[in-house]
PDB file of N, CA and C in Angstrom:
ATOM      1  N   SER A   1      86.677 151.130 144.514  1.00  0.00           N
ATOM      2  CA  SER A   1      87.648 152.183 144.754  1.00  0.00           C
ATOM      3  C   SER A   1      88.555 152.325 143.533  1.00  0.00           C
ATOM      4  N   ALA A   2      89.019 153.520 143.299  1.00  0.00           N
ATOM      5  CA  ALA A   2      89.889 153.801 142.159  1.00  0.00           C
ATOM      6  C   ALA A   2      91.303 153.292 142.432  1.00  0.00           C
ATOM      7  N   PRO A   3      91.985 152.788 141.401  1.00  0.00           N
ATOM      8  CA  PRO A   3      93.359 152.326 141.602  1.00  0.00           C
ATOM      9  C   PRO A   3      94.302 153.493 141.894  1.00  0.00           C
ATOM     10  N   ILE A   4      95.313 153.208 142.678  1.00  0.00           N
ATOM     11  CA  ILE A   4      96.329 154.219 142.993  1.00  0.00           C
ATOM     12  C   ILE A   4      97.397 154.148 141.908  1.00  0.00           C
ATOM     13  N   LEU A   5      97.647 155.270 141.258  1.00  0.00           N
ATOM     14  CA  LEU A   5      98.642 155.311 140.194  1.00  0.00           C
ATOM     15  C   LEU A   5     100.020 155.573 140.777  1.00  0.00           C
ATOM     16  N   ALA A   6     101.027 154.950 140.185  1.00  0.00           N
ATOM     17  CA  ALA A   6     102.407 155.119 140.640  1.00  0.00           C
ATOM     18  C   ALA A   6     103.135 156.095 139.726  1.00  0.00           C
ATOM     19  N   LEU A   7     104.170 156.693 140.239  1.00  0.00           N
ATOM     20  CA  LEU A   7     105.032 157.550 139.425  1.00  0.00           C
ATOM     21  C   LEU A   7     106.035 156.670 138.687  1.00  0.00           C
ATOM     22  N   PRO A   8     106.302 156.962 137.421  1.00  0.00           N
ATOM     23  CA  PRO A   8     107.250 156.131 136.672  1.00  0.00           C
ATOM     24  C   PRO A   8     108.687 156.343 137.124  1.00  0.00           C
ATOM     25  N   GLU A   9     109.464 155.267 137.036  1.00  0.00           N
ATOM     26  CA  GLU A   9     110.896 155.329 137.295  1.00  0.00           C
ATOM     27  C   GLU A   9     111.586 155.303 135.934  1.00  0.00           C
ATOM     28  N   GLY A  10     112.365 156.316 135.626  1.00  0.00           N
ATOM     29  CA  GLY A  10     112.929 156.499 134.295  1.00  0.00           C
ATOM     30  C   GLY A  10     113.767 155.365 133.751  1.00  0.00           C
ATOM     31  N   SER A  11     114.478 154.641 134.602  1.00  0.00           N
ATOM     32  CA  SER A  11     115.406 153.620 134.109  1.00  0.00           C
ATOM     33  C   SER A  11     114.780 152.228 133.987  1.00  0.00           C
ATOM     34  N   LYS A  12     113.559 152.061 134.399  1.00  0.00           N
ATOM     35  CA  LYS A  12     112.904 150.745 134.378  1.00  0.00           C
ATOM     36  C   LYS A  12     112.086 150.568 133.101  1.00  0.00           C
ATOM     37  N   ASP A  13     111.885 149.307 132.698  1.00  0.00           N
ATOM     38  CA  ASP A  13     111.096 148.995 131.507  1.00  0.00           C
ATOM     39  C   ASP A  13     109.605 149.200 131.765  1.00  0.00           C
ATOM     40  N   PHE A  14     108.890 149.573 130.698  1.00  0.00           N
ATOM     41  CA  PHE A  14     107.442 149.720 130.753  1.00  0.00           C
ATOM     42  C   PHE A  14     106.799 148.545 130.024  1.00  0.00           C
ATOM     43  N   ILE A  15     105.579 148.206 130.434  1.00  0.00           N
ATOM     44  CA  ILE A  15     104.782 147.185 129.762  1.00  0.00           C
ATOM     45  C   ILE A  15     103.424 147.797 129.451  1.00  0.00           C
ATOM     46  N   VAL A  16     102.957 147.579 128.227  1.00  0.00           N
ATOM     47  CA  VAL A  16     101.639 148.059 127.814  1.00  0.00           C
ATOM     48  C   VAL A  16     100.734 146.853 127.616  1.00  0.00           C
ATOM     49  N   TYR A  17      99.592 146.849 128.293  1.00  0.00           N
ATOM     50  CA  TYR A  17      98.568 145.833 128.099  1.00  0.00           C
ATOM     51  C   TYR A  17      97.395 146.503 127.409  1.00  0.00           C
ATOM     52  N   CYS A  18      96.833 145.839 126.415  1.00  0.00           N
ATOM     53  CA  CYS A  18      95.666 146.396 125.747  1.00  0.00           C
ATOM     54  C   CYS A  18      94.710 145.269 125.389  1.00  0.00           C
ATOM     55  N   ASP A  19      93.438 145.637 125.245  1.00  0.00           N
ATOM     56  CA  ASP A  19      92.417 144.652 124.917  1.00  0.00           C
ATOM     57  C   ASP A  19      91.278 145.347 124.201  1.00  0.00           C
ATOM     58  N   ALA A  20      90.517 144.555 123.469  1.00  0.00           N
ATOM     59  CA  ALA A  20      89.369 145.081 122.738  1.00  0.00           C
ATOM     60  C   ALA A  20      88.176 144.160 122.958  1.00  0.00           C
ATOM     61  N   SER A  21      87.001 144.744 122.934  1.00  0.00           N
ATOM     62  CA  SER A  21      85.758 143.982 122.969  1.00  0.00           C
ATOM     63  C   SER A  21      84.822 144.597 121.943  1.00  0.00           C
ATOM     64  N   LYS A  22      83.633 144.071 121.828  1.00  0.00           N
ATOM     65  CA  LYS A  22      82.655 144.630 120.889  1.00  0.00           C
ATOM     66  C   LYS A  22      82.081 145.951 121.395  1.00  0.00           C
ATOM     67  N   LYS A  23      82.465 146.366 122.605  1.00  0.00           N
ATOM     68  CA  LYS A  23      81.973 147.628 123.164  1.00  0.00           C
ATOM     69  C   LYS A  23      83.032 148.709 123.239  1.00  0.00           C
ATOM     70  N   GLY A  24      84.310 148.327 123.363  1.00  0.00           N
ATOM     71  CA  GLY A  24      85.325 149.360 123.504  1.00  0.00           C
ATOM     72  C   GLY A  24      86.744 148.827 123.521  1.00  0.00           C
ATOM     73  N   LEU A  25      87.669 149.769 123.716  1.00  0.00           N
ATOM     74  CA  LEU A  25      89.098 149.476 123.770  1.00  0.00           C
ATOM     75  C   LEU A  25      89.637 149.901 125.127  1.00  0.00           C
ATOM     76  N   GLY A  26      90.652 149.197 125.610  1.00  0.00           N
ATOM     77  CA  GLY A  26      91.264 149.561 126.876  1.00  0.00           C
ATOM     78  C   GLY A  26      92.758 149.330 126.842  1.00  0.00           C
ATOM     79  N   ALA A  27      93.472 150.110 127.656  1.00  0.00           N
ATOM     80  CA  ALA A  27      94.928 149.984 127.714  1.00  0.00           C
ATOM     81  C   ALA A  27      95.427 150.364 129.099  1.00  0.00           C
ATOM     82  N   VAL A  28      96.514 149.709 129.512  1.00  0.00           N
ATOM     83  CA  VAL A  28      97.146 149.996 130.801  1.00  0.00           C
ATOM     84  C   VAL A  28      98.652 150.072 130.580  1.00  0.00           C
ATOM     85  N   LEU A  29      99.274 151.112 131.106  1.00  0.00           N
ATOM     86  CA  LEU A  29     100.731 151.252 131.098  1.00  0.00           C
ATOM     87  C   LEU A  29     101.218 150.885 132.491  1.00  0.00           C
ATOM     88  N   MET A  30     102.116 149.883 132.566  1.00  0.00           N
ATOM     89  CA  MET A  30     102.599 149.415 133.860  1.00  0.00           C
ATOM     90  C   MET A  30     104.118 149.432 133.903  1.00  0.00           C
ATOM     91  N   GLN A  31     104.626 149.524 135.120  1.00  0.00           N
ATOM     92  CA  GLN A  31     106.060 149.456 135.361  1.00  0.00           C
ATOM     93  C   GLN A  31     106.251 148.764 136.705  1.00  0.00           C
ATOM     94  N   LYS A  32     107.026 147.685 136.690  1.00  0.00           N
ATOM     95  CA  LYS A  32     107.271 146.910 137.917  1.00  0.00           C
ATOM     96  C   LYS A  32     105.959 146.525 138.604  1.00  0.00           C
ATOM     97  N   GLU A  33     104.991 146.019 137.821  1.00  0.00           N
ATOM     98  CA  GLU A  33     103.696 145.553 138.314  1.00  0.00           C
ATOM     99  C   GLU A  33     102.861 146.645 138.972  1.00  0.00           C
ATOM    100  N   LYS A  34     103.170 147.907 138.704  1.00  0.00           N
ATOM    101  CA  LYS A  34     102.392 149.034 139.224  1.00  0.00           C
ATOM    102  C   LYS A  34     101.777 149.792 138.055  1.00  0.00           C
ATOM    103  N   VAL A  35     100.522 150.200 138.222  1.00  0.00           N
ATOM    104  CA  VAL A  35      99.824 150.932 137.168  1.00  0.00           C
ATOM    105  C   VAL A  35     100.329 152.371 137.127  1.00  0.00           C
ATOM    106  N   ILE A  36     100.789 152.783 135.961  1.00  0.00           N
ATOM    107  CA  ILE A  36     101.240 154.152 135.750  1.00  0.00           C
ATOM    108  C   ILE A  36     100.106 154.978 135.145  1.00  0.00           C
ATOM    109  N   SER A  37      99.408 154.386 134.178  1.00  0.00           N
ATOM    110  CA  SER A  37      98.325 155.086 133.492  1.00  0.00           C
ATOM    111  C   SER A  37      97.377 154.063 132.879  1.00  0.00           C
ATOM    112  N   TYR A  38      96.122 154.466 132.685  1.00  0.00           N
ATOM    113  CA  TYR A  38      95.168 153.605 132.003  1.00  0.00           C
ATOM    114  C   TYR A  38      94.197 154.462 131.211  1.00  0.00           C
ATOM    115  N   ALA A  39      93.609 153.874 130.183  1.00  0.00           N
ATOM    116  CA  ALA A  39      92.666 154.603 129.335  1.00  0.00           C
ATOM    117  C   ALA A  39      91.718 153.613 128.677  1.00  0.00           C
ATOM    118  N   SER A  40      90.540 154.106 128.330  1.00  0.00           N
ATOM    119  CA  SER A  40      89.574 153.297 127.593  1.00  0.00           C
ATOM    120  C   SER A  40      88.714 154.214 126.740  1.00  0.00           C
ATOM    121  N   CYS A  41      88.070 153.631 125.757  1.00  0.00           N
ATOM    122  CA  CYS A  41      87.150 154.401 124.916  1.00  0.00           C
ATOM    123  C   CYS A  41      86.112 153.462 124.317  1.00  0.00           C
ATOM    124  N   GLN A  42      84.961 154.033 123.994  1.00  0.00           N
ATOM    125  CA  GLN A  42      83.915 153.276 123.322  1.00  0.00           C
ATOM    126  C   GLN A  42      84.232 153.192 121.838  1.00  0.00           C
ATOM    127  N   LEU A  43      83.726 152.126 121.215  1.00  0.00           N
ATOM    128  CA  LEU A  43      83.907 151.988 119.778  1.00  0.00           C
ATOM    129  C   LEU A  43      83.002 152.964 119.037  1.00  0.00           C
ATOM    130  N   LYS A  44      83.502 153.450 117.919  1.00  0.00           N
ATOM    131  CA  LYS A  44      82.677 154.256 117.028  1.00  0.00           C
ATOM    132  C   LYS A  44      81.765 153.308 116.245  1.00  0.00           C
ATOM    133  N   ILE A  45      80.729 153.843 115.638  1.00  0.00           N
ATOM    134  CA  ILE A  45      79.742 153.023 114.929  1.00  0.00           C
ATOM    135  C   ILE A  45      80.403 152.094 113.910  1.00  0.00           C
ATOM    136  N   HIS A  46      81.297 152.624 113.083  1.00  0.00           N
ATOM    137  CA  HIS A  46      81.925 151.795 112.047  1.00  0.00           C
ATOM    138  C   HIS A  46      82.889 150.765 112.632  1.00  0.00           C
ATOM    139  N   GLU A  47      83.468 151.038 113.803  1.00  0.00           N
ATOM    140  CA  GLU A  47      84.412 150.097 114.418  1.00  0.00           C
ATOM    141  C   GLU A  47      83.697 148.853 114.946  1.00  0.00           C
ATOM    142  N   LYS A  48      82.405 148.950 115.214  1.00  0.00           N
ATOM    143  CA  LYS A  48      81.653 147.799 115.723  1.00  0.00           C
ATOM    144  C   LYS A  48      81.560 146.685 114.687  1.00  0.00           C
ATOM    145  N   ASN A  49      81.849 147.001 113.431  1.00  0.00           N
ATOM    146  CA  ASN A  49      81.830 145.993 112.363  1.00  0.00           C
ATOM    147  C   ASN A  49      83.197 145.358 112.124  1.00  0.00           C
ATOM    148  N   TYR A  50      84.221 145.785 112.844  1.00  0.00           N
ATOM    149  CA  TYR A  50      85.572 145.252 112.658  1.00  0.00           C
ATOM    150  C   TYR A  50      85.638 143.785 113.078  1.00  0.00           C
ATOM    151  N   THR A  51      86.531 143.042 112.447  1.00  0.00           N
ATOM    152  CA  THR A  51      86.799 141.668 112.872  1.00  0.00           C
ATOM    153  C   THR A  51      87.573 141.702 114.194  1.00  0.00           C
ATOM    154  N   THR A  52      87.654 140.558 114.855  1.00  0.00           N
ATOM    155  CA  THR A  52      88.385 140.481 116.122  1.00  0.00           C
ATOM    156  C   THR A  52      89.840 140.899 115.939  1.00  0.00           C
ATOM    157  N   HIS A  53      90.468 140.441 114.874  1.00  0.00           N
ATOM    158  CA  HIS A  53      91.861 140.795 114.592  1.00  0.00           C
ATOM    159  C   HIS A  53      92.018 142.305 114.457  1.00  0.00           C
ATOM    160  N   ASP A  54      91.128 142.930 113.702  1.00  0.00           N
ATOM    161  CA  ASP A  54      91.212 144.379 113.498  1.00  0.00           C
ATOM    162  C   ASP A  54      90.928 145.156 114.782  1.00  0.00           C
ATOM    163  N   LEU A  55      90.015 144.650 115.615  1.00  0.00           N
ATOM    164  CA  LEU A  55      89.748 145.309 116.899  1.00  0.00           C
ATOM    165  C   LEU A  55      90.969 145.252 117.808  1.00  0.00           C
ATOM    166  N   GLU A  56      91.633 144.096 117.847  1.00  0.00           N
ATOM    167  CA  GLU A  56      92.829 143.969 118.678  1.00  0.00           C
ATOM    168  C   GLU A  56      93.937 144.892 118.169  1.00  0.00           C
ATOM    169  N   LEU A  57      94.091 144.985 116.858  1.00  0.00           N
ATOM    170  CA  LEU A  57      95.075 145.895 116.281  1.00  0.00           C
ATOM    171  C   LEU A  57      94.708 147.342 116.591  1.00  0.00           C
ATOM    172  N   ASP A  58      93.430 147.664 116.534  1.00  0.00           N
ATOM    173  CA  ASP A  58      92.950 149.002 116.883  1.00  0.00           C
ATOM    174  C   ASP A  58      93.285 149.326 118.344  1.00  0.00           C
ATOM    175  N   ALA A  59      93.178 148.323 119.227  1.00  0.00           N
ATOM    176  CA  ALA A  59      93.510 148.524 120.640  1.00  0.00           C
ATOM    177  C   ALA A  59      94.998 148.823 120.818  1.00  0.00           C
ATOM    178  N   VAL A  60      95.843 148.148 120.053  1.00  0.00           N
ATOM    179  CA  VAL A  60      97.287 148.406 120.126  1.00  0.00           C
ATOM    180  C   VAL A  60      97.592 149.824 119.664  1.00  0.00           C
ATOM    181  N   VAL A  61      97.003 150.232 118.549  1.00  0.00           N
ATOM    182  CA  VAL A  61      97.217 151.589 118.032  1.00  0.00           C
ATOM    183  C   VAL A  61      96.716 152.617 119.040  1.00  0.00           C
ATOM    184  N   PHE A  62      95.535 152.384 119.613  1.00  0.00           N
ATOM    185  CA  PHE A  62      94.984 153.280 120.633  1.00  0.00           C
ATOM    186  C   PHE A  62      95.941 153.403 121.820  1.00  0.00           C
ATOM    187  N   ALA A  63      96.461 152.264 122.285  1.00  0.00           N
ATOM    188  CA  ALA A  63      97.357 152.262 123.446  1.00  0.00           C
ATOM    189  C   ALA A  63      98.636 153.044 123.171  1.00  0.00           C
ATOM    190  N   LEU A  64      99.179 152.898 121.983  1.00  0.00           N
ATOM    191  CA  LEU A  64     100.443 153.558 121.668  1.00  0.00           C
ATOM    192  C   LEU A  64     100.275 155.040 121.346  1.00  0.00           C
ATOM    193  N   LYS A  65      99.072 155.458 120.988  1.00  0.00           N
ATOM    194  CA  LYS A  65      98.828 156.876 120.701  1.00  0.00           C
ATOM    195  C   LYS A  65      98.695 157.709 121.973  1.00  0.00           C
ATOM    196  N   ILE A  66      98.249 157.095 123.061  1.00  0.00           N
ATOM    197  CA  ILE A  66      98.037 157.884 124.283  1.00  0.00           C
ATOM    198  C   ILE A  66      99.305 158.041 125.073  1.00  0.00           C
TER     199      ILE A  66
END
């Protein structure tokens, strides 16, 4: 089943979780332990050659761009 998304509360802090694998990038925006938004994408051909450090950094950039 699909997760139920919550509406954000303007005065509360947000937390961004992101992760990378050899197949793709993922990110979740949360507030008070509730999912506000999530996104993922597959790696491009050239990104599959990135080191683990660069993939994790790519995941952070991806998360902050959305």
